[in-house]
Amino acid sequence: MKTRLSFSSVIVCLITLFLLVPIAGAQESEDAENQEISEERIAAEKEMLEDKIAELEAKPLDYFGSPKNKRARIGFYKYRLETLEQDPDKYFSEPEEYQGNIKTSD
């Protein structure tokens, strides 16, 4: 059993197809652009974290008050750097700030 399509339905299908193809291509180029931006953003963030770690390591112990405080502060930035390298999406979606010595109520 053959199905007959009317001329107008074929034209509508072709027009729809030609309209959708450029939209799909634009989405692919936008995704590629976002990927490049995120790689640049990751590189910039990595450099910032490495600079901060180097800055803190160069500071004298008196700046921190104790070796434990110095290790904690540097450790925080190293942890953030590891998170960035392992899962950049998590790093940017869950930003953290260094809280220092804060007691939390249980």
N, C-alpha and C. Protein backbone atom coordinates (compact mmCIF):
# COMPACT_ATOMS: atom_id res chain seq x y z
N MET A 1 0.84 -1.17 0.00
CA MET A 1 0.00 0.00 0.00
C MET A 1 0.90 1.25 0.00
N LYS A 2 0.78 2.05 -0.97
CA LYS A 2 1.58 3.26 -1.09
C LYS A 2 0.82 4.44 -0.51
N THR A 3 1.59 5.30 0.13
CA THR A 3 1.01 6.50 0.69
C THR A 3 1.38 7.66 -0.22
N ARG A 4 0.41 8.47 -0.51
CA ARG A 4 0.67 9.62 -1.37
C ARG A 4 0.72 10.87 -0.52
N LEU A 5 1.78 11.60 -0.70
CA LEU A 5 1.91 12.88 -0.01
C LEU A 5 1.53 14.00 -0.97
N SER A 6 0.87 14.94 -0.46
CA SER A 6 0.51 16.07 -1.32
C SER A 6 1.74 16.94 -1.55
N PHE A 7 1.72 17.67 -2.60
CA PHE A 7 2.83 18.55 -2.95
C PHE A 7 3.10 19.57 -1.83
N SER A 8 2.04 20.10 -1.25
CA SER A 8 2.21 21.12 -0.20
C SER A 8 2.83 20.51 1.06
N SER A 9 2.49 19.27 1.41
CA SER A 9 3.08 18.66 2.60
C SER A 9 4.57 18.38 2.39
N VAL A 10 4.96 18.04 1.17
CA VAL A 10 6.38 17.83 0.87
C VAL A 10 7.14 19.15 0.98
N ILE A 11 6.55 20.21 0.47
CA ILE A 11 7.18 21.54 0.54
C ILE A 11 7.34 21.96 2.00
N VAL A 12 6.32 21.75 2.80
CA VAL A 12 6.38 22.11 4.23
C VAL A 12 7.50 21.33 4.91
N CYS A 13 7.62 20.04 4.62
CA CYS A 13 8.69 19.22 5.21
C CYS A 13 10.06 19.72 4.80
N LEU A 14 10.23 20.05 3.54
CA LEU A 14 11.53 20.54 3.06
C LEU A 14 11.88 21.89 3.69
N ILE A 15 10.92 22.77 3.77
CA ILE A 15 11.17 24.08 4.38
C ILE A 15 11.55 23.91 5.85
N THR A 16 10.84 23.04 6.55
CA THR A 16 11.14 22.79 7.96
C THR A 16 12.56 22.24 8.10
N LEU A 17 12.93 21.31 7.23
CA LEU A 17 14.26 20.73 7.27
C LEU A 17 15.33 21.80 7.04
N PHE A 18 15.14 22.65 6.06
CA PHE A 18 16.12 23.68 5.76
C PHE A 18 16.21 24.73 6.87
N LEU A 19 15.14 24.93 7.60
CA LEU A 19 15.17 25.88 8.71
C LEU A 19 15.84 25.29 9.94
N LEU A 20 15.70 24.00 10.16
CA LEU A 20 16.26 23.37 11.35
C LEU A 20 17.76 23.10 11.25
N VAL A 21 18.26 22.83 10.06
CA VAL A 21 19.68 22.51 9.88
C VAL A 21 20.56 23.67 10.33
N PRO A 22 20.32 24.93 9.93
CA PRO A 22 21.17 26.01 10.41
C PRO A 22 21.07 26.21 11.93
N ILE A 23 19.92 25.95 12.51
CA ILE A 23 19.77 26.09 13.96
C ILE A 23 20.65 25.08 14.66
N ALA A 24 20.68 23.84 14.18
CA ALA A 24 21.53 22.81 14.78
C ALA A 24 23.00 23.18 14.63
N GLY A 25 23.39 23.71 13.49
CA GLY A 25 24.77 24.12 13.27
C GLY A 25 25.17 25.26 14.19
N ALA A 26 24.27 26.19 14.42
CA ALA A 26 24.55 27.30 15.32
C ALA A 26 24.74 26.81 16.74
N GLN A 27 23.96 25.82 17.15
CA GLN A 27 24.07 25.26 18.50
C GLN A 27 25.44 24.59 18.68
N GLU A 28 25.90 23.86 17.65
CA GLU A 28 27.21 23.20 17.73
C GLU A 28 28.33 24.22 17.85
N SER A 29 28.27 25.30 17.08
CA SER A 29 29.32 26.31 17.16
C SER A 29 29.28 27.03 18.51
N GLU A 30 28.09 27.23 19.05
CA GLU A 30 27.96 27.86 20.37
C GLU A 30 28.55 26.95 21.44
N ASP A 31 28.30 25.65 21.35
CA ASP A 31 28.87 24.71 22.31
C ASP A 31 30.39 24.70 22.24
N ALA A 32 30.94 24.76 21.03
CA ALA A 32 32.39 24.79 20.88
C ALA A 32 32.97 26.07 21.47
N GLU A 33 32.27 27.19 21.28
CA GLU A 33 32.72 28.46 21.84
C GLU A 33 32.70 28.42 23.37
N ASN A 34 31.64 27.85 23.94
CA ASN A 34 31.55 27.73 25.39
C ASN A 34 32.66 26.84 25.93
N GLN A 35 33.02 25.78 25.20
CA GLN A 35 34.09 24.89 25.61
C GLN A 35 35.41 25.64 25.66
N GLU A 36 35.68 26.48 24.64
CA GLU A 36 36.91 27.26 24.63
C GLU A 36 36.95 28.24 25.79
N ILE A 37 35.84 28.87 26.06
CA ILE A 37 35.78 29.82 27.16
C ILE A 37 36.04 29.11 28.48
N SER A 38 35.46 27.95 28.65
CA SER A 38 35.65 27.24 29.91
C SER A 38 37.10 26.79 30.06
N GLU A 39 37.77 26.40 28.97
CA GLU A 39 39.18 26.02 29.07
C GLU A 39 40.04 27.22 29.45
N GLU A 40 39.72 28.38 28.90
CA GLU A 40 40.43 29.60 29.27
C GLU A 40 40.17 29.94 30.73
N ARG A 41 38.93 29.79 31.15
CA ARG A 41 38.56 30.10 32.53
C ARG A 41 39.25 29.14 33.50
N ILE A 42 39.32 27.86 33.13
CA ILE A 42 40.00 26.88 33.97
C ILE A 42 41.48 27.22 34.09
N ALA A 43 42.11 27.57 32.98
CA ALA A 43 43.53 27.91 32.99
C ALA A 43 43.79 29.14 33.85
N ALA A 44 42.93 30.15 33.75
CA ALA A 44 43.10 31.36 34.55
C ALA A 44 42.90 31.07 36.03
N GLU A 45 41.91 30.25 36.35
CA GLU A 45 41.65 29.91 37.75
C GLU A 45 42.80 29.09 38.32
N LYS A 46 43.32 28.17 37.53
CA LYS A 46 44.45 27.34 37.97
C LYS A 46 45.66 28.22 38.27
N GLU A 47 45.93 29.16 37.38
CA GLU A 47 47.05 30.06 37.59
C GLU A 47 46.86 30.90 38.86
N MET A 48 45.63 31.37 39.09
CA MET A 48 45.35 32.16 40.29
C MET A 48 45.59 31.34 41.55
N LEU A 49 45.13 30.08 41.56
CA LEU A 49 45.31 29.23 42.73
C LEU A 49 46.79 28.93 42.97
N GLU A 50 47.53 28.64 41.91
CA GLU A 50 48.96 28.36 42.05
C GLU A 50 49.71 29.58 42.57
N ASP A 51 49.33 30.77 42.09
CA ASP A 51 49.95 32.00 42.59
C ASP A 51 49.65 32.21 44.07
N LYS A 52 48.41 31.94 44.46
CA LYS A 52 48.02 32.11 45.87
C LYS A 52 48.79 31.14 46.76
N ILE A 53 48.94 29.89 46.32
CA ILE A 53 49.70 28.90 47.09
C ILE A 53 51.15 29.36 47.23
N ALA A 54 51.76 29.81 46.14
CA ALA A 54 53.15 30.28 46.19
C ALA A 54 53.28 31.49 47.12
N GLU A 55 52.31 32.39 47.05
CA GLU A 55 52.33 33.59 47.92
C GLU A 55 52.26 33.19 49.39
N LEU A 56 51.37 32.26 49.72
CA LEU A 56 51.23 31.84 51.12
C LEU A 56 52.45 31.07 51.61
N GLU A 57 53.03 30.25 50.74
CA GLU A 57 54.23 29.50 51.13
C GLU A 57 55.40 30.44 51.40
N ALA A 58 55.45 31.58 50.73
CA ALA A 58 56.54 32.53 50.90
C ALA A 58 56.38 33.39 52.15
N LYS A 59 55.20 33.47 52.70
CA LYS A 59 54.95 34.31 53.88
C LYS A 59 55.60 33.68 55.12
N PRO A 60 56.08 34.52 56.03
CA PRO A 60 56.69 33.99 57.25
C PRO A 60 55.64 33.37 58.18
N LEU A 61 56.11 32.54 59.06
CA LEU A 61 55.21 31.85 60.00
C LEU A 61 54.46 32.83 60.89
N ASP A 62 55.08 33.94 61.21
CA ASP A 62 54.43 34.94 62.06
C ASP A 62 53.14 35.47 61.44
N TYR A 63 53.06 35.48 60.14
CA TYR A 63 51.86 35.95 59.44
C TYR A 63 50.65 35.08 59.80
N PHE A 64 50.89 33.78 59.99
CA PHE A 64 49.80 32.83 60.26
C PHE A 64 49.58 32.59 61.75
N GLY A 65 50.60 32.79 62.54
CA GLY A 65 50.45 32.57 63.98
C GLY A 65 50.93 31.21 64.43
N SER A 66 50.79 30.20 63.60
CA SER A 66 51.26 28.86 63.97
C SER A 66 51.45 28.03 62.70
N PRO A 67 52.27 26.99 62.78
CA PRO A 67 52.45 26.12 61.62
C PRO A 67 51.14 25.45 61.18
N LYS A 68 50.30 25.15 62.15
CA LYS A 68 49.01 24.51 61.83
C LYS A 68 48.14 25.44 60.98
N ASN A 69 48.10 26.71 61.34
CA ASN A 69 47.30 27.66 60.56
C ASN A 69 47.85 27.82 59.14
N LYS A 70 49.19 27.82 59.03
CA LYS A 70 49.80 27.95 57.71
C LYS A 70 49.46 26.73 56.85
N ARG A 71 49.59 25.53 57.41
CA ARG A 71 49.26 24.31 56.67
C ARG A 71 47.79 24.28 56.27
N ALA A 72 46.93 24.73 57.17
CA ALA A 72 45.49 24.73 56.88
C ALA A 72 45.16 25.67 55.73
N ARG A 73 45.73 26.85 55.74
CA ARG A 73 45.44 27.83 54.70
C ARG A 73 45.97 27.36 53.35
N ILE A 74 47.20 26.88 53.32
CA ILE A 74 47.78 26.38 52.07
C ILE A 74 47.03 25.13 51.61
N GLY A 75 46.68 24.28 52.54
CA GLY A 75 45.95 23.06 52.22
C GLY A 75 44.61 23.35 51.57
N PHE A 76 43.93 24.39 52.02
CA PHE A 76 42.65 24.76 51.42
C PHE A 76 42.82 25.06 49.94
N TYR A 77 43.82 25.88 49.61
CA TYR A 77 44.02 26.25 48.21
C TYR A 77 44.50 25.06 47.37
N LYS A 78 45.29 24.16 47.97
CA LYS A 78 45.70 22.95 47.25
C LYS A 78 44.49 22.05 47.00
N TYR A 79 43.60 21.97 47.97
CA TYR A 79 42.38 21.18 47.80
C TYR A 79 41.53 21.76 46.67
N ARG A 80 41.40 23.07 46.63
CA ARG A 80 40.61 23.71 45.57
C ARG A 80 41.27 23.48 44.20
N LEU A 81 42.60 23.49 44.15
CA LEU A 81 43.31 23.22 42.90
C LEU A 81 43.06 21.79 42.44
N GLU A 82 43.09 20.83 43.36
CA GLU A 82 42.81 19.44 43.02
C GLU A 82 41.37 19.29 42.51
N THR A 83 40.44 19.96 43.16
CA THR A 83 39.05 19.91 42.73
C THR A 83 38.91 20.47 41.32
N LEU A 84 39.58 21.57 41.05
CA LEU A 84 39.55 22.17 39.72
C LEU A 84 40.08 21.22 38.66
N GLU A 85 41.18 20.54 38.96
CA GLU A 85 41.79 19.63 37.99
C GLU A 85 40.95 18.38 37.78
N GLN A 86 40.31 17.88 38.84
CA GLN A 86 39.54 16.64 38.74
C GLN A 86 38.14 16.87 38.17
N ASP A 87 37.47 17.93 38.62
CA ASP A 87 36.08 18.16 38.20
C ASP A 87 35.81 19.66 38.11
N PRO A 88 36.15 20.28 36.99
CA PRO A 88 35.96 21.73 36.86
C PRO A 88 34.51 22.18 37.04
N ASP A 89 33.56 21.36 36.59
CA ASP A 89 32.15 21.73 36.76
C ASP A 89 31.79 21.86 38.23
N LYS A 90 32.25 20.92 39.04
CA LYS A 90 31.98 20.98 40.48
C LYS A 90 32.66 22.20 41.10
N TYR A 91 33.89 22.48 40.66
CA TYR A 91 34.64 23.61 41.20
C TYR A 91 33.88 24.92 40.99
N PHE A 92 33.36 25.13 39.78
CA PHE A 92 32.67 26.39 39.48
C PHE A 92 31.24 26.41 39.99
N SER A 93 30.62 25.25 40.14
CA SER A 93 29.23 25.23 40.60
C SER A 93 29.13 25.28 42.13
N GLU A 94 30.20 24.90 42.82
CA GLU A 94 30.20 24.91 44.29
C GLU A 94 31.38 25.72 44.81
N PRO A 95 31.33 27.04 44.65
CA PRO A 95 32.45 27.86 45.11
C PRO A 95 32.56 27.84 46.63
N GLU A 96 33.79 27.87 47.10
CA GLU A 96 34.05 27.88 48.54
C GLU A 96 35.00 29.03 48.84
N GLU A 97 34.86 29.58 50.02
CA GLU A 97 35.80 30.58 50.50
C GLU A 97 36.50 30.03 51.71
N TYR A 98 37.72 30.48 51.93
CA TYR A 98 38.45 30.04 53.11
C TYR A 98 37.76 30.63 54.34
N GLN A 99 37.37 29.76 55.26
CA GLN A 99 36.62 30.19 56.44
C GLN A 99 37.51 30.43 57.65
N GLY A 100 38.70 29.89 57.66
CA GLY A 100 39.59 30.06 58.81
C GLY A 100 39.15 29.18 59.97
N ASN A 101 39.46 29.61 61.16
CA ASN A 101 39.13 28.85 62.36
C ASN A 101 37.76 29.27 62.88
N ILE A 102 36.73 28.65 62.36
CA ILE A 102 35.37 28.99 62.75
C ILE A 102 34.78 27.79 63.47
N LYS A 103 34.23 28.04 64.62
CA LYS A 103 33.55 26.97 65.34
C LYS A 103 32.11 26.92 64.88
N THR A 104 31.65 25.72 64.62
CA THR A 104 30.27 25.55 64.22
C THR A 104 29.51 24.92 65.38
N SER A 105 28.27 25.32 65.55
CA SER A 105 27.47 24.74 66.63
C SER A 105 26.94 23.40 66.17
N ASP A 106 26.97 22.43 67.05
CA ASP A 106 26.50 21.08 66.72
C ASP A 106 25.05 20.90 67.04
